[in-house]
């Protein structure tokens, strides 16, 4: 009984919890990341792609509206 619960918790973490944290991290650091940090971001997206694909219909990140000063 312990092994199926362990598999279920690891699958939930891999498919839901960690990709949600990755999305939060990406939205906060996307425009200010250094080159090394950006390559780390690409690695995270590659590694957690199945979970990000599952969460993508529920997330809508559009670019921030620019303020035009006159």
C-alpha atoms as a PDB file:
ATOM      1  CA  UNK A   1       0.000   0.000   0.000  1.00  0.00           C
ATOM      2  CA  UNK A   2       2.910   2.335   0.618  1.00  0.00           C
ATOM      3  CA  UNK A   3       4.437   1.920  -2.849  1.00  0.00           C
ATOM      4  CA  UNK A   4       1.308   2.960  -4.823  1.00  0.00           C
ATOM      5  CA  UNK A   5       0.880   6.013  -2.582  1.00  0.00           C
ATOM      6  CA  UNK A   6       4.516   6.909  -3.139  1.00  0.00           C
ATOM      7  CA  UNK A   7       4.092   6.630  -6.910  1.00  0.00           C
ATOM      8  CA  UNK A   8       0.913   8.703  -6.776  1.00  0.00           C
ATOM      9  CA  UNK A   9       2.527  11.445  -4.721  1.00  0.00           C
ATOM     10  CA  UNK A  10       5.604  11.570  -6.983  1.00  0.00           C
ATOM     11  CA  UNK A  11       3.410  11.697 -10.089  1.00  0.00           C
ATOM     12  CA  UNK A  12       1.322  14.487  -8.585  1.00  0.00           C
ATOM     13  CA  UNK A  13       4.433  16.447  -7.713  1.00  0.00           C
ATOM     14  CA  UNK A  14       5.931  15.944 -11.189  1.00  0.00           C
ATOM     15  CA  UNK A  15       2.731  16.737 -13.089  1.00  0.00           C
ATOM     16  CA  UNK A  16       1.105  19.448 -10.965  1.00  0.00           C
ATOM     17  CA  UNK A  17       3.049  20.913  -8.053  1.00  0.00           C
ATOM     18  CA  UNK A  18       6.507  21.522  -9.519  1.00  0.00           C
ATOM     19  CA  UNK A  19       5.226  22.793 -12.915  1.00  0.00           C
ATOM     20  CA  UNK A  20       3.000  25.296 -11.107  1.00  0.00           C
ATOM     21  CA  UNK A  21       6.057  26.521  -9.191  1.00  0.00           C
ATOM     22  CA  UNK A  22       8.021  26.690 -12.462  1.00  0.00           C
ATOM     23  CA  UNK A  23       5.282  28.805 -14.054  1.00  0.00           C
ATOM     24  CA  UNK A  24       5.312  31.164 -11.099  1.00  0.00           C
ATOM     25  CA  UNK A  25       9.107  31.419 -11.291  1.00  0.00           C
ATOM     26  CA  UNK A  26       9.003  32.081 -15.041  1.00  0.00           C
ATOM     27  CA  UNK A  27       6.461  34.881 -14.733  1.00  0.00           C
ATOM     28  CA  UNK A  28       8.469  36.634 -12.034  1.00  0.00           C
ATOM     29  CA  UNK A  29      11.927  36.375 -13.597  1.00  0.00           C
ATOM     30  CA  UNK A  30      11.349  36.274 -17.386  1.00  0.00           C
ATOM     31  CA  UNK A  31      12.255  39.878 -18.222  1.00  0.00           C
ATOM     32  CA  UNK A  32      15.152  40.279 -15.791  1.00  0.00           C
ATOM     33  CA  UNK A  33      16.962  36.933 -16.058  1.00  0.00           C
ATOM     34  CA  UNK A  34      20.645  36.630 -16.845  1.00  0.00           C
ATOM     35  CA  UNK A  35      21.854  34.356 -19.625  1.00  0.00           C
ATOM     36  CA  UNK A  36      22.723  31.524 -17.237  1.00  0.00           C
ATOM     37  CA  UNK A  37      19.371  31.829 -15.493  1.00  0.00           C
ATOM     38  CA  UNK A  38      17.556  31.827 -18.840  1.00  0.00           C
ATOM     39  CA  UNK A  39      19.272  28.575 -19.835  1.00  0.00           C
ATOM     40  CA  UNK A  40      18.202  27.151 -16.460  1.00  0.00           C
ATOM     41  CA  UNK A  41      14.630  28.236 -17.269  1.00  0.00           C
ATOM     42  CA  UNK A  42      14.788  26.429 -20.594  1.00  0.00           C
ATOM     43  CA  UNK A  43      16.005  23.303 -18.800  1.00  0.00           C
ATOM     44  CA  UNK A  44      13.103  23.482 -16.347  1.00  0.00           C
ATOM     45  CA  UNK A  45      10.602  23.838 -19.186  1.00  0.00           C
ATOM     46  CA  UNK A  46      12.161  20.877 -20.992  1.00  0.00           C
ATOM     47  CA  UNK A  47      12.284  18.706 -17.874  1.00  0.00           C
ATOM     48  CA  UNK A  48       8.753  19.456 -16.651  1.00  0.00           C
ATOM     49  CA  UNK A  49       7.142  19.700 -20.101  1.00  0.00           C
ATOM     50  CA  UNK A  50       4.361  17.109 -19.463  1.00  0.00           C
ATOM     51  CA  UNK A  51       3.178  18.971 -16.374  1.00  0.00           C
ATOM     52  CA  UNK A  52       3.403  22.346 -18.104  1.00  0.00           C
ATOM     53  CA  UNK A  53       1.378  20.912 -20.960  1.00  0.00           C
ATOM     54  CA  UNK A  54      -1.297  19.781 -18.497  1.00  0.00           C
ATOM     55  CA  UNK A  55      -1.458  23.211 -16.842  1.00  0.00           C
ATOM     56  CA  UNK A  56      -1.302  25.261 -20.042  1.00  0.00           C
ATOM     57  CA  UNK A  57      -5.077  25.399 -20.747  1.00  0.00           C
ATOM     58  CA  UNK A  58      -5.638  27.033 -17.366  1.00  0.00           C
ATOM     59  CA  UNK A  59      -2.869  29.637 -17.623  1.00  0.00           C
ATOM     60  CA  UNK A  60      -3.028  32.776 -19.714  1.00  0.00           C
ATOM     61  CA  UNK A  61       0.096  34.895 -19.565  1.00  0.00           C
ATOM     62  CA  UNK A  62       0.047  37.815 -21.947  1.00  0.00           C
ATOM     63  CA  UNK A  63       2.744  40.446 -22.238  1.00  0.00           C
ATOM     64  CA  UNK A  64       2.392  43.371 -19.879  1.00  0.00           C
ATOM     65  CA  UNK A  65       0.784  46.493 -21.310  1.00  0.00           C
ATOM     66  CA  UNK A  66       3.321  49.200 -22.024  1.00  0.00           C
ATOM     67  CA  UNK A  67       2.744  52.701 -20.729  1.00  0.00           C
ATOM     68  CA  UNK A  68       3.354  55.337 -23.360  1.00  0.00           C
ATOM     69  CA  UNK A  69       4.448  58.626 -21.886  1.00  0.00           C
ATOM     70  CA  UNK A  70       3.631  61.770 -23.803  1.00  0.00           C
END
